[in-house]
PDB file of N, CA and C in Angstrom:
ATOM      1  N   MET A   1       0.809  -1.191   0.000  1.00  0.00           N
ATOM      2  CA  MET A   1       0.000   0.000   0.000  1.00  0.00           C
ATOM      3  C   MET A   1       0.853   1.255   0.000  1.00  0.00           C
ATOM      4  N   ARG A   2       1.969   1.202   0.705  1.00  0.00           N
ATOM      5  CA  ARG A   2       2.853   2.375   0.737  1.00  0.00           C
ATOM      6  C   ARG A   2       3.301   2.734  -0.672  1.00  0.00           C
ATOM      7  N   GLN A   3       3.723   1.737  -1.437  1.00  0.00           N
ATOM      8  CA  GLN A   3       4.186   2.020  -2.797  1.00  0.00           C
ATOM      9  C   GLN A   3       3.053   2.583  -3.642  1.00  0.00           C
ATOM     10  N   GLU A   4       1.845   2.067  -3.443  1.00  0.00           N
ATOM     11  CA  GLU A   4       0.691   2.618  -4.172  1.00  0.00           C
ATOM     12  C   GLU A   4       0.468   4.078  -3.808  1.00  0.00           C
ATOM     13  N   TRP A   5       0.620   4.413  -2.513  1.00  0.00           N
ATOM     14  CA  TRP A   5       0.427   5.798  -2.095  1.00  0.00           C
ATOM     15  C   TRP A   5       1.471   6.694  -2.752  1.00  0.00           C
ATOM     16  N   TYR A   6       2.745   6.286  -2.705  1.00  0.00           N
ATOM     17  CA  TYR A   6       3.798   7.109  -3.312  1.00  0.00           C
ATOM     18  C   TYR A   6       3.629   7.221  -4.822  1.00  0.00           C
ATOM     19  N   ASN A   7       3.231   6.139  -5.477  1.00  0.00           N
ATOM     20  CA  ASN A   7       2.963   6.212  -6.922  1.00  0.00           C
ATOM     21  C   ASN A   7       1.844   7.214  -7.208  1.00  0.00           C
ATOM     22  N   ALA A   8       0.783   7.172  -6.408  1.00  0.00           N
ATOM     23  CA  ALA A   8      -0.334   8.108  -6.593  1.00  0.00           C
ATOM     24  C   ALA A   8       0.108   9.544  -6.333  1.00  0.00           C
ATOM     25  N   PHE A   9       0.899   9.752  -5.276  1.00  0.00           N
ATOM     26  CA  PHE A   9       1.349  11.106  -4.951  1.00  0.00           C
ATOM     27  C   PHE A   9       2.207  11.678  -6.074  1.00  0.00           C
ATOM     28  N   TYR A  10       3.225  10.952  -6.486  1.00  0.00           N
ATOM     29  CA  TYR A  10       4.153  11.476  -7.494  1.00  0.00           C
ATOM     30  C   TYR A  10       3.538  11.556  -8.888  1.00  0.00           C
ATOM     31  N   SER A  11       2.493  10.800  -9.172  1.00  0.00           N
ATOM     32  CA  SER A  11       1.803  10.912 -10.466  1.00  0.00           C
ATOM     33  C   SER A  11       0.588  11.836 -10.385  1.00  0.00           C
ATOM     34  N   LEU A  12       0.365  12.410  -9.207  1.00  0.00           N
ATOM     35  CA  LEU A  12      -0.778  13.314  -8.962  1.00  0.00           C
ATOM     36  C   LEU A  12      -2.110  12.632  -9.283  1.00  0.00           C
ATOM     37  N   ASP A  13      -2.219  11.366  -8.885  1.00  0.00           N
ATOM     38  CA  ASP A  13      -3.465  10.604  -9.035  1.00  0.00           C
ATOM     39  C   ASP A  13      -4.332  10.893  -7.806  1.00  0.00           C
ATOM     40  N   LEU A  14      -5.086  11.968  -7.865  1.00  0.00           N
ATOM     41  CA  LEU A  14      -5.820  12.454  -6.701  1.00  0.00           C
ATOM     42  C   LEU A  14      -6.935  11.522  -6.243  1.00  0.00           C
ATOM     43  N   PRO A  15      -7.699  10.891  -7.141  1.00  0.00           N
ATOM     44  CA  PRO A  15      -8.701   9.937  -6.649  1.00  0.00           C
ATOM     45  C   PRO A  15      -8.075   8.773  -5.872  1.00  0.00           C
ATOM     46  N   GLN A  16      -6.912   8.306  -6.325  1.00  0.00           N
ATOM     47  CA  GLN A  16      -6.236   7.209  -5.627  1.00  0.00           C
ATOM     48  C   GLN A  16      -5.707   7.678  -4.272  1.00  0.00           C
ATOM     49  N   LEU A  17      -5.146   8.896  -4.212  1.00  0.00           N
ATOM     50  CA  LEU A  17      -4.697   9.438  -2.929  1.00  0.00           C
ATOM     51  C   LEU A  17      -5.865   9.541  -1.963  1.00  0.00           C
ATOM     52  N   ASP A  18      -6.975  10.058  -2.447  1.00  0.00           N
ATOM     53  CA  ASP A  18      -8.168  10.202  -1.612  1.00  0.00           C
ATOM     54  C   ASP A  18      -8.585   8.850  -1.050  1.00  0.00           C
ATOM     55  N   TYR A  19      -8.517   7.813  -1.871  1.00  0.00           N
ATOM     56  CA  TYR A  19      -8.887   6.469  -1.439  1.00  0.00           C
ATOM     57  C   TYR A  19      -7.902   5.905  -0.408  1.00  0.00           C
ATOM     58  N   LEU A  20      -6.610   6.148  -0.617  1.00  0.00           N
ATOM     59  CA  LEU A  20      -5.579   5.551   0.236  1.00  0.00           C
ATOM     60  C   LEU A  20      -5.364   6.281   1.556  1.00  0.00           C
ATOM     61  N   GLU A  21      -5.912   7.478   1.700  1.00  0.00           N
ATOM     62  CA  GLU A  21      -5.754   8.248   2.928  1.00  0.00           C
ATOM     63  C   GLU A  21      -7.027   8.185   3.771  1.00  0.00           C
ATOM     64  N   ALA A  22      -6.855   8.087   5.080  1.00  0.00           N
ATOM     65  CA  ALA A  22      -7.994   8.169   5.998  1.00  0.00           C
ATOM     66  C   ALA A  22      -8.603   9.566   5.881  1.00  0.00           C
ATOM     67  N   ASP A  23      -9.870   9.678   6.216  1.00  0.00           N
ATOM     68  CA  ASP A  23     -10.538  10.984   6.132  1.00  0.00           C
ATOM     69  C   ASP A  23      -9.832  12.028   6.988  1.00  0.00           C
ATOM     70  N   TRP A  24      -9.206  11.609   8.074  1.00  0.00           N
ATOM     71  CA  TRP A  24      -8.543  12.530   9.002  1.00  0.00           C
ATOM     72  C   TRP A  24      -7.039  12.645   8.752  1.00  0.00           C
ATOM     73  N   PHE A  25      -6.577  12.192   7.588  1.00  0.00           N
ATOM     74  CA  PHE A  25      -5.154  12.231   7.242  1.00  0.00           C
ATOM     75  C   PHE A  25      -4.569  13.632   7.430  1.00  0.00           C
ATOM     76  N   PHE A  26      -3.326  13.659   7.915  1.00  0.00           N
ATOM     77  CA  PHE A  26      -2.563  14.902   7.922  1.00  0.00           C
ATOM     78  C   PHE A  26      -1.089  14.574   7.735  1.00  0.00           C
ATOM     79  N   SER A  27      -0.346  15.587   7.331  1.00  0.00           N
ATOM     80  CA  SER A  27       1.080  15.461   7.105  1.00  0.00           C
ATOM     81  C   SER A  27       1.766  16.666   7.727  1.00  0.00           C
ATOM     82  N   THR A  28       2.972  16.455   8.248  1.00  0.00           N
ATOM     83  CA  THR A  28       3.732  17.559   8.819  1.00  0.00           C
ATOM     84  C   THR A  28       5.207  17.392   8.498  1.00  0.00           C
ATOM     85  N   ASN A  29       5.865  18.531   8.343  1.00  0.00           N
ATOM     86  CA  ASN A  29       7.313  18.529   8.136  1.00  0.00           C
ATOM     87  C   ASN A  29       8.033  19.119   9.339  1.00  0.00           C
ATOM     88  N   GLY A  30       7.347  19.217  10.464  1.00  0.00           N
ATOM     89  CA  GLY A  30       7.926  19.784  11.665  1.00  0.00           C
ATOM     90  C   GLY A  30       7.624  21.263  11.821  1.00  0.00           C
ATOM     91  N   ASP A  31       7.323  21.938  10.709  1.00  0.00           N
ATOM     92  CA  ASP A  31       6.975  23.362  10.736  1.00  0.00           C
ATOM     93  C   ASP A  31       5.515  23.586  10.373  1.00  0.00           C
ATOM     94  N   LYS A  32       5.066  22.893   9.348  1.00  0.00           N
ATOM     95  CA  LYS A  32       3.706  23.074   8.844  1.00  0.00           C
ATOM     96  C   LYS A  32       2.915  21.783   8.995  1.00  0.00           C
ATOM     97  N   LEU A  33       1.620  21.953   9.179  1.00  0.00           N
ATOM     98  CA  LEU A  33       0.682  20.839   9.260  1.00  0.00           C
ATOM     99  C   LEU A  33      -0.305  21.015   8.120  1.00  0.00           C
ATOM    100  N   ILE A  34      -0.535  19.951   7.348  1.00  0.00           N
ATOM    101  CA  ILE A  34      -1.482  20.042   6.247  1.00  0.00           C
ATOM    102  C   ILE A  34      -2.472  18.884   6.358  1.00  0.00           C
ATOM    103  N   TYR A  35      -3.748  19.220   6.297  1.00  0.00           N
ATOM    104  CA  TYR A  35      -4.804  18.221   6.370  1.00  0.00           C
ATOM    105  C   TYR A  35      -5.182  17.755   4.971  1.00  0.00           C
ATOM    106  N   LYS A  36      -5.821  16.607   4.904  1.00  0.00           N
ATOM    107  CA  LYS A  36      -6.152  15.959   3.639  1.00  0.00           C
ATOM    108  C   LYS A  36      -6.853  16.901   2.661  1.00  0.00           C
ATOM    109  N   LYS A  37      -7.884  17.581   3.109  1.00  0.00           N
ATOM    110  CA  LYS A  37      -8.659  18.450   2.213  1.00  0.00           C
ATOM    111  C   LYS A  37      -7.752  19.512   1.573  1.00  0.00           C
ATOM    112  N   HIS A  38      -6.912  20.131   2.381  1.00  0.00           N
ATOM    113  CA  HIS A  38      -6.012  21.166   1.879  1.00  0.00           C
ATOM    114  C   HIS A  38      -4.941  20.560   0.971  1.00  0.00           C
ATOM    115  N   GLN A  39      -4.420  19.397   1.354  1.00  0.00           N
ATOM    116  CA  GLN A  39      -3.410  18.715   0.540  1.00  0.00           C
ATOM    117  C   GLN A  39      -3.964  18.401  -0.851  1.00  0.00           C
ATOM    118  N   LEU A  40      -5.156  17.820  -0.901  1.00  0.00           N
ATOM    119  CA  LEU A  40      -5.739  17.458  -2.196  1.00  0.00           C
ATOM    120  C   LEU A  40      -6.028  18.701  -3.031  1.00  0.00           C
ATOM    121  N   ARG A  41      -6.453  19.782  -2.392  1.00  0.00           N
ATOM    122  CA  ARG A  41      -6.718  21.021  -3.127  1.00  0.00           C
ATOM    123  C   ARG A  41      -5.413  21.585  -3.716  1.00  0.00           C
ATOM    124  N   LYS A  42      -4.340  21.599  -2.904  1.00  0.00           N
ATOM    125  CA  LYS A  42      -3.057  22.103  -3.406  1.00  0.00           C
ATOM    126  C   LYS A  42      -2.527  21.236  -4.547  1.00  0.00           C
ATOM    127  N   LEU A  43      -2.673  19.919  -4.433  1.00  0.00           N
ATOM    128  CA  LEU A  43      -2.211  19.029  -5.492  1.00  0.00           C
ATOM    129  C   LEU A  43      -3.063  19.159  -6.751  1.00  0.00           C
ATOM    130  N   THR A  44      -4.357  19.436  -6.594  1.00  0.00           N
ATOM    131  CA  THR A  44      -5.231  19.679  -7.749  1.00  0.00           C
ATOM    132  C   THR A  44      -4.751  20.904  -8.515  1.00  0.00           C
ATOM    133  N   LEU A  45      -4.438  21.976  -7.792  1.00  0.00           N
ATOM    134  CA  LEU A  45      -3.936  23.194  -8.432  1.00  0.00           C
ATOM    135  C   LEU A  45      -2.593  22.950  -9.102  1.00  0.00           C
ATOM    136  N   LEU A  46      -1.721  22.192  -8.444  1.00  0.00           N
ATOM    137  CA  LEU A  46      -0.427  21.856  -9.034  1.00  0.00           C
ATOM    138  C   LEU A  46      -0.613  21.058 -10.318  1.00  0.00           C
ATOM    139  N   LYS A  47      -1.513  20.090 -10.290  1.00  0.00           N
ATOM    140  CA  LYS A  47      -1.756  19.255 -11.471  1.00  0.00           C
ATOM    141  C   LYS A  47      -2.297  20.088 -12.630  1.00  0.00           C
ATOM    142  N   GLN A  48      -3.168  21.049 -12.336  1.00  0.00           N
ATOM    143  CA  GLN A  48      -3.700  21.924 -13.384  1.00  0.00           C
ATOM    144  C   GLN A  48      -2.581  22.768 -13.990  1.00  0.00           C
ATOM    145  N   ASP A  49      -1.675  23.236 -13.147  1.00  0.00           N
ATOM    146  CA  ASP A  49      -0.596  24.116 -13.588  1.00  0.00           C
ATOM    147  C   ASP A  49       0.549  23.353 -14.244  1.00  0.00           C
ATOM    148  N   ASN A  50       0.885  22.180 -13.681  1.00  0.00           N
ATOM    149  CA  ASN A  50       2.024  21.418 -14.169  1.00  0.00           C
ATOM    150  C   ASN A  50       1.798  19.925 -13.916  1.00  0.00           C
ATOM    151  N   PRO A  51       1.093  19.229 -14.815  1.00  0.00           N
ATOM    152  CA  PRO A  51       0.764  17.813 -14.594  1.00  0.00           C
ATOM    153  C   PRO A  51       1.981  16.905 -14.417  1.00  0.00           C
ATOM    154  N   ALA A  52       3.136  17.326 -14.884  1.00  0.00           N
ATOM    155  CA  ALA A  52       4.345  16.508 -14.783  1.00  0.00           C
ATOM    156  C   ALA A  52       5.270  17.005 -13.668  1.00  0.00           C
ATOM    157  N   ALA A  53       4.714  17.706 -12.692  1.00  0.00           N
ATOM    158  CA  ALA A  53       5.514  18.351 -11.642  1.00  0.00           C
ATOM    159  C   ALA A  53       6.484  17.391 -10.952  1.00  0.00           C
ATOM    160  N   PHE A  54       6.063  16.175 -10.681  1.00  0.00           N
ATOM    161  CA  PHE A  54       6.907  15.223  -9.945  1.00  0.00           C
ATOM    162  C   PHE A  54       7.449  14.111 -10.834  1.00  0.00           C
ATOM    163  N   GLN A  55       7.316  14.271 -12.136  1.00  0.00           N
ATOM    164  CA  GLN A  55       7.682  13.199 -13.061  1.00  0.00           C
ATOM    165  C   GLN A  55       9.139  12.762 -12.912  1.00  0.00           C
ATOM    166  N   GLN A  56      10.037  13.686 -12.602  1.00  0.00           N
ATOM    167  CA  GLN A  56      11.453  13.343 -12.492  1.00  0.00           C
ATOM    168  C   GLN A  56      11.895  13.142 -11.042  1.00  0.00           C
ATOM    169  N   THR A  57      10.951  13.050 -10.130  1.00  0.00           N
ATOM    170  CA  THR A  57      11.267  12.840  -8.721  1.00  0.00           C
ATOM    171  C   THR A  57      11.491  11.353  -8.456  1.00  0.00           C
ATOM    172  N   ARG A  58      12.550  11.050  -7.737  1.00  0.00           N
ATOM    173  CA  ARG A  58      12.861   9.668  -7.356  1.00  0.00           C
ATOM    174  C   ARG A  58      13.036   9.612  -5.842  1.00  0.00           C
ATOM    175  N   ARG A  59      12.600   8.514  -5.240  1.00  0.00           N
ATOM    176  CA  ARG A  59      12.701   8.348  -3.790  1.00  0.00           C
ATOM    177  C   ARG A  59      13.323   6.988  -3.502  1.00  0.00           C
ATOM    178  N   GLU A  60      14.384   6.999  -2.700  1.00  0.00           N
ATOM    179  CA  GLU A  60      15.007   5.767  -2.231  1.00  0.00           C
ATOM    180  C   GLU A  60      14.945   5.776  -0.718  1.00  0.00           C
ATOM    181  N   GLU A  61      14.606   4.627  -0.135  1.00  0.00           N
ATOM    182  CA  GLU A  61      14.468   4.546   1.316  1.00  0.00           C
ATOM    183  C   GLU A  61      15.513   3.607   1.913  1.00  0.00           C
ATOM    184  N   TYR A  62      15.941   3.948   3.160  1.00  0.00           N
ATOM    185  CA  TYR A  62      16.958   3.182   3.873  1.00  0.00           C
ATOM    186  C   TYR A  62      16.511   2.978   5.314  1.00  0.00           C
ATOM    187  N   ASP A  63      17.028   1.956   5.935  1.00  0.00           N
ATOM    188  CA  ASP A  63      16.779   1.698   7.351  1.00  0.00           C
ATOM    189  C   ASP A  63      15.284   1.752   7.690  1.00  0.00           C
ATOM    190  N   VAL A  64      14.470   1.176   6.826  1.00  0.00           N
ATOM    191  CA  VAL A  64      13.019   1.188   7.025  1.00  0.00           C
ATOM    192  C   VAL A  64      12.637   0.139   8.061  1.00  0.00           C
ATOM    193  N   VAL A  65      11.852   0.572   9.042  1.00  0.00           N
ATOM    194  CA  VAL A  65      11.357  -0.324  10.087  1.00  0.00           C
ATOM    195  C   VAL A  65       9.836  -0.271  10.057  1.00  0.00           C
ATOM    196  N   THR A  66       9.221  -1.436   9.942  1.00  0.00           N
ATOM    197  CA  THR A  66       7.764  -1.539   9.942  1.00  0.00           C
ATOM    198  C   THR A  66       7.335  -2.329  11.166  1.00  0.00           C
ATOM    199  N   ARG A  67       6.407  -1.778  11.894  1.00  0.00           N
ATOM    200  CA  ARG A  67       5.847  -2.458  13.068  1.00  0.00           C
ATOM    201  C   ARG A  67       4.335  -2.506  12.898  1.00  0.00           C
ATOM    202  N   GLU A  68       3.773  -3.700  13.051  1.00  0.00           N
ATOM    203  CA  GLU A  68       2.330  -3.861  12.908  1.00  0.00           C
ATOM    204  C   GLU A  68       1.775  -4.487  14.174  1.00  0.00           C
ATOM    205  N   LEU A  69       0.674  -3.932  14.631  1.00  0.00           N
ATOM    206  CA  LEU A  69      -0.025  -4.469  15.789  1.00  0.00           C
ATOM    207  C   LEU A  69      -1.512  -4.440  15.456  1.00  0.00           C
ATOM    208  N   GLY A  70      -2.030  -5.601  15.123  1.00  0.00           N
ATOM    209  CA  GLY A  70      -3.439  -5.657  14.742  1.00  0.00           C
ATOM    210  C   GLY A  70      -3.691  -4.839  13.491  1.00  0.00           C
ATOM    211  N   GLY A  71      -4.571  -3.857  13.603  1.00  0.00           N
ATOM    212  CA  GLY A  71      -4.936  -3.042  12.455  1.00  0.00           C
ATOM    213  C   GLY A  71      -4.220  -1.717  12.393  1.00  0.00           C
ATOM    214  N   ILE A  72      -3.077  -1.606  13.084  1.00  0.00           N
ATOM    215  CA  ILE A  72      -2.288  -0.364  13.063  1.00  0.00           C
ATOM    216  C   ILE A  72      -0.859  -0.729  12.661  1.00  0.00           C
ATOM    217  N   ALA A  73      -0.246   0.092  11.831  1.00  0.00           N
ATOM    218  CA  ALA A  73       1.150  -0.142  11.444  1.00  0.00           C
ATOM    219  C   ALA A  73       1.892   1.192  11.423  1.00  0.00           C
ATOM    220  N   SER A  74       3.123   1.161  11.884  1.00  0.00           N
ATOM    221  CA  SER A  74       3.978   2.343  11.764  1.00  0.00           C
ATOM    222  C   SER A  74       5.168   1.969  10.890  1.00  0.00           C
ATOM    223  N   VAL A  75       5.594   2.924  10.095  1.00  0.00           N
ATOM    224  CA  VAL A  75       6.733   2.731   9.205  1.00  0.00           C
ATOM    225  C   VAL A  75       7.642   3.941   9.389  1.00  0.00           C
ATOM    226  N   SER A  76       8.923   3.694   9.648  1.00  0.00           N
ATOM    227  CA  SER A  76       9.865   4.798   9.806  1.00  0.00           C
ATOM    228  C   SER A  76      11.140   4.475   9.057  1.00  0.00           C
ATOM    229  N   GLY A  77      11.904   5.519   8.766  1.00  0.00           N
ATOM    230  CA  GLY A  77      13.165   5.311   8.070  1.00  0.00           C
ATOM    231  C   GLY A  77      13.741   6.613   7.555  1.00  0.00           C
ATOM    232  N   ILE A  78      14.674   6.453   6.635  1.00  0.00           N
ATOM    233  CA  ILE A  78      15.350   7.567   5.982  1.00  0.00           C
ATOM    234  C   ILE A  78      15.044   7.467   4.490  1.00  0.00           C
ATOM    235  N   ALA A  79      14.776   8.599   3.857  1.00  0.00           N
ATOM    236  CA  ALA A  79      14.544   8.612   2.415  1.00  0.00           C
ATOM    237  C   ALA A  79      15.421   9.671   1.776  1.00  0.00           C
ATOM    238  N   GLU A  80      15.872   9.377   0.590  1.00  0.00           N
ATOM    239  CA  GLU A  80      16.581  10.365  -0.204  1.00  0.00           C
ATOM    240  C   GLU A  80      15.705  10.656  -1.415  1.00  0.00           C
ATOM    241  N   VAL A  81      15.292  11.917  -1.523  1.00  0.00           N
ATOM    242  CA  VAL A  81      14.413  12.346  -2.607  1.00  0.00           C
ATOM    243  C   VAL A  81      15.252  13.138  -3.594  1.00  0.00           C
ATOM    244  N   SER A  82      15.281  12.669  -4.840  1.00  0.00           N
ATOM    245  CA  SER A  82      16.072  13.311  -5.889  1.00  0.00           C
ATOM    246  C   SER A  82      15.156  13.985  -6.892  1.00  0.00           C
ATOM    247  N   THR A  83      15.468  15.237  -7.204  1.00  0.00           N
ATOM    248  CA  THR A  83      14.761  16.012  -8.221  1.00  0.00           C
ATOM    249  C   THR A  83      15.815  16.634  -9.130  1.00  0.00           C
ATOM    250  N   PRO A  84      15.413  17.228 -10.233  1.00  0.00           N
ATOM    251  CA  PRO A  84      16.405  17.912 -11.071  1.00  0.00           C
ATOM    252  C   PRO A  84      17.149  19.030 -10.319  1.00  0.00           C
ATOM    253  N   GLU A  85      16.524  19.567  -9.261  1.00  0.00           N
ATOM    254  CA  GLU A  85      17.142  20.641  -8.486  1.00  0.00           C
ATOM    255  C   GLU A  85      18.158  20.134  -7.454  1.00  0.00           C
ATOM    256  N   GLY A  86      18.136  18.847  -7.158  1.00  0.00           N
ATOM    257  CA  GLY A  86      19.079  18.309  -6.184  1.00  0.00           C
ATOM    258  C   GLY A  86      18.491  17.170  -5.379  1.00  0.00           C
ATOM    259  N   ARG A  87      19.177  16.855  -4.264  1.00  0.00           N
ATOM    260  CA  ARG A  87      18.770  15.747  -3.400  1.00  0.00           C
ATOM    261  C   ARG A  87      18.476  16.259  -2.003  1.00  0.00           C
ATOM    262  N   THR A  88      17.484  15.650  -1.392  1.00  0.00           N
ATOM    263  CA  THR A  88      17.143  15.963  -0.009  1.00  0.00           C
ATOM    264  C   THR A  88      17.044  14.657   0.750  1.00  0.00           C
ATOM    265  N   ARG A  89      17.667  14.616   1.901  1.00  0.00           N
ATOM    266  CA  ARG A  89      17.610  13.432   2.767  1.00  0.00           C
ATOM    267  C   ARG A  89      16.659  13.764   3.909  1.00  0.00           C
ATOM    268  N   ILE A  90      15.686  12.878   4.135  1.00  0.00           N
ATOM    269  CA  ILE A  90      14.687  13.115   5.175  1.00  0.00           C
ATOM    270  C   ILE A  90      14.530  11.894   6.072  1.00  0.00           C
ATOM    271  N   SER A  91      14.157  12.149   7.313  1.00  0.00           N
ATOM    272  CA  SER A  91      13.706  11.103   8.236  1.00  0.00           C
ATOM    273  C   SER A  91      12.185  11.131   8.177  1.00  0.00           C
ATOM    274  N   PHE A  92      11.555   9.965   8.199  1.00  0.00           N
ATOM    275  CA  PHE A  92      10.095   9.944   8.094  1.00  0.00           C
ATOM    276  C   PHE A  92       9.490   8.911   9.032  1.00  0.00           C
ATOM    277  N   ILE A  93       8.233   9.140   9.347  1.00  0.00           N
ATOM    278  CA  ILE A  93       7.411   8.154  10.050  1.00  0.00           C
ATOM    279  C   ILE A  93       6.003   8.255   9.490  1.00  0.00           C
ATOM    280  N   GLU A  94       5.382   7.118   9.311  1.00  0.00           N
ATOM    281  CA  GLU A  94       4.013   7.043   8.806  1.00  0.00           C
ATOM    282  C   GLU A  94       3.206   6.142   9.731  1.00  0.00           C
ATOM    283  N   CYS A  95       1.936   6.433   9.847  1.00  0.00           N
ATOM    284  CA  CYS A  95       1.031   5.575  10.597  1.00  0.00           C
ATOM    285  C   CYS A  95      -0.114   5.161   9.673  1.00  0.00           C
ATOM    286  N   TRP A  96      -0.326   3.866   9.568  1.00  0.00           N
ATOM    287  CA  TRP A  96      -1.361   3.284   8.721  1.00  0.00           C
ATOM    288  C   TRP A  96      -2.386   2.590   9.608  1.00  0.00           C
ATOM    289  N   ILE A  97      -3.633   2.552   9.170  1.00  0.00           N
ATOM    290  CA  ILE A  97      -4.697   1.887   9.904  1.00  0.00           C
ATOM    291  C   ILE A  97      -5.522   1.051   8.917  1.00  0.00           C
ATOM    292  N   LYS A  98      -5.918  -0.131   9.366  1.00  0.00           N
ATOM    293  CA  LYS A  98      -6.747  -0.982   8.518  1.00  0.00           C
ATOM    294  C   LYS A  98      -8.210  -0.678   8.817  1.00  0.00           C
ATOM    295  N   ILE A  99      -8.932  -0.229   7.798  1.00  0.00           N
ATOM    296  CA  ILE A  99     -10.350   0.098   7.916  1.00  0.00           C
ATOM    297  C   ILE A  99     -11.118  -0.757   6.915  1.00  0.00           C
ATOM    298  N   LYS A 100     -12.023  -1.569   7.416  1.00  0.00           N
ATOM    299  CA  LYS A 100     -12.833  -2.456   6.564  1.00  0.00           C
ATOM    300  C   LYS A 100     -11.963  -3.256   5.597  1.00  0.00           C
ATOM    301  N   GLY A 101     -10.854  -3.758   6.113  1.00  0.00           N
ATOM    302  CA  GLY A 101      -9.981  -4.629   5.330  1.00  0.00           C
ATOM    303  C   GLY A 101      -8.986  -3.920   4.425  1.00  0.00           C
ATOM    304  N   SER A 102      -8.990  -2.582   4.398  1.00  0.00           N
ATOM    305  CA  SER A 102      -8.067  -1.832   3.535  1.00  0.00           C
ATOM    306  C   SER A 102      -7.172  -0.923   4.373  1.00  0.00           C
ATOM    307  N   TRP A 103      -5.890  -0.888   4.027  1.00  0.00           N
ATOM    308  CA  TRP A 103      -4.954  -0.010   4.736  1.00  0.00           C
ATOM    309  C   TRP A 103      -5.121   1.424   4.252  1.00  0.00           C
ATOM    310  N   LYS A 104      -5.170   2.343   5.207  1.00  0.00           N
ATOM    311  CA  LYS A 104      -5.292   3.778   4.931  1.00  0.00           C
ATOM    312  C   LYS A 104      -4.177   4.510   5.670  1.00  0.00           C
ATOM    313  N   LEU A 105      -3.601   5.507   5.021  1.00  0.00           N
ATOM    314  CA  LEU A 105      -2.566   6.319   5.651  1.00  0.00           C
ATOM    315  C   LEU A 105      -3.235   7.344   6.559  1.00  0.00           C
ATOM    316  N   GLN A 106      -2.886   7.305   7.863  1.00  0.00           N
ATOM    317  CA  GLN A 106      -3.449   8.247   8.831  1.00  0.00           C
ATOM    318  C   GLN A 106      -2.634   9.524   8.901  1.00  0.00           C
ATOM    319  N   PHE A 107      -1.321   9.370   9.043  1.00  0.00           N
ATOM    320  CA  PHE A 107      -0.471  10.551   9.064  1.00  0.00           C
ATOM    321  C   PHE A 107       0.936  10.200   8.641  1.00  0.00           C
ATOM    322  N   GLN A 108       1.651  11.236   8.247  1.00  0.00           N
ATOM    323  CA  GLN A 108       3.065  11.099   7.960  1.00  0.00           C
ATOM    324  C   GLN A 108       3.767  12.358   8.447  1.00  0.00           C
ATOM    325  N   SER A 109       4.958  12.149   8.937  1.00  0.00           N
ATOM    326  CA  SER A 109       5.775  13.243   9.404  1.00  0.00           C
ATOM    327  C   SER A 109       7.166  13.055   8.826  1.00  0.00           C
ATOM    328  N   PHE A 110       7.759  14.145   8.404  1.00  0.00           N
ATOM    329  CA  PHE A 110       9.110  14.052   7.846  1.00  0.00           C
ATOM    330  C   PHE A 110       9.858  15.347   8.119  1.00  0.00           C
ATOM    331  N   GLU A 111      11.159  15.221   8.273  1.00  0.00           N
ATOM    332  CA  GLU A 111      12.025  16.372   8.516  1.00  0.00           C
ATOM    333  C   GLU A 111      13.350  16.139   7.809  1.00  0.00           C
ATOM    334  N   ALA A 112      13.990  17.220   7.436  1.00  0.00           N
ATOM    335  CA  ALA A 112      15.315  17.121   6.830  1.00  0.00           C
ATOM    336  C   ALA A 112      16.242  16.376   7.790  1.00  0.00           C
ATOM    337  N   SER A 113      17.076  15.539   7.223  1.00  0.00           N
ATOM    338  CA  SER A 113      17.978  14.719   8.015  1.00  0.00           C
ATOM    339  C   SER A 113      19.415  15.084   7.673  1.00  0.00           C
ATOM    340  N   GLU A 114      20.284  14.954   8.644  1.00  0.00           N
ATOM    341  CA  GLU A 114      21.712  15.211   8.418  1.00  0.00           C
ATOM    342  C   GLU A 114      22.269  14.115   7.520  1.00  0.00           C
ATOM    343  N   ASP A 115      23.199  14.482   6.676  1.00  0.00           N
ATOM    344  CA  ASP A 115      23.844  13.485   5.790  1.00  0.00           C
ATOM    345  C   ASP A 115      24.763  12.587   6.548  1.00  0.00           C
TER     346      ASP A 115
END
């Protein structure tokens, strides 16, 4: 499911993102908090302006740890995100919840990481 979420995000597949995220989804980078409704609206505007915005973005993950307890899972690790403008290394954590047999992303948090 994680790979499906990232594929949907980087391809700006908004219906798929909407499906894969819990209604109460939010994301934070340590400074800003963005809720699902606002995230989808911003991505809709980005897609209208530049449908290929993330086409050259690549993400590699390291030291990924997944812990599952019943219908809740947490995933943490380090990711290196490469764009034509450069590379960014981030630490991340995600929380997933199983709702009616399907995994949904509840939240994700990420911050720049030291090299």
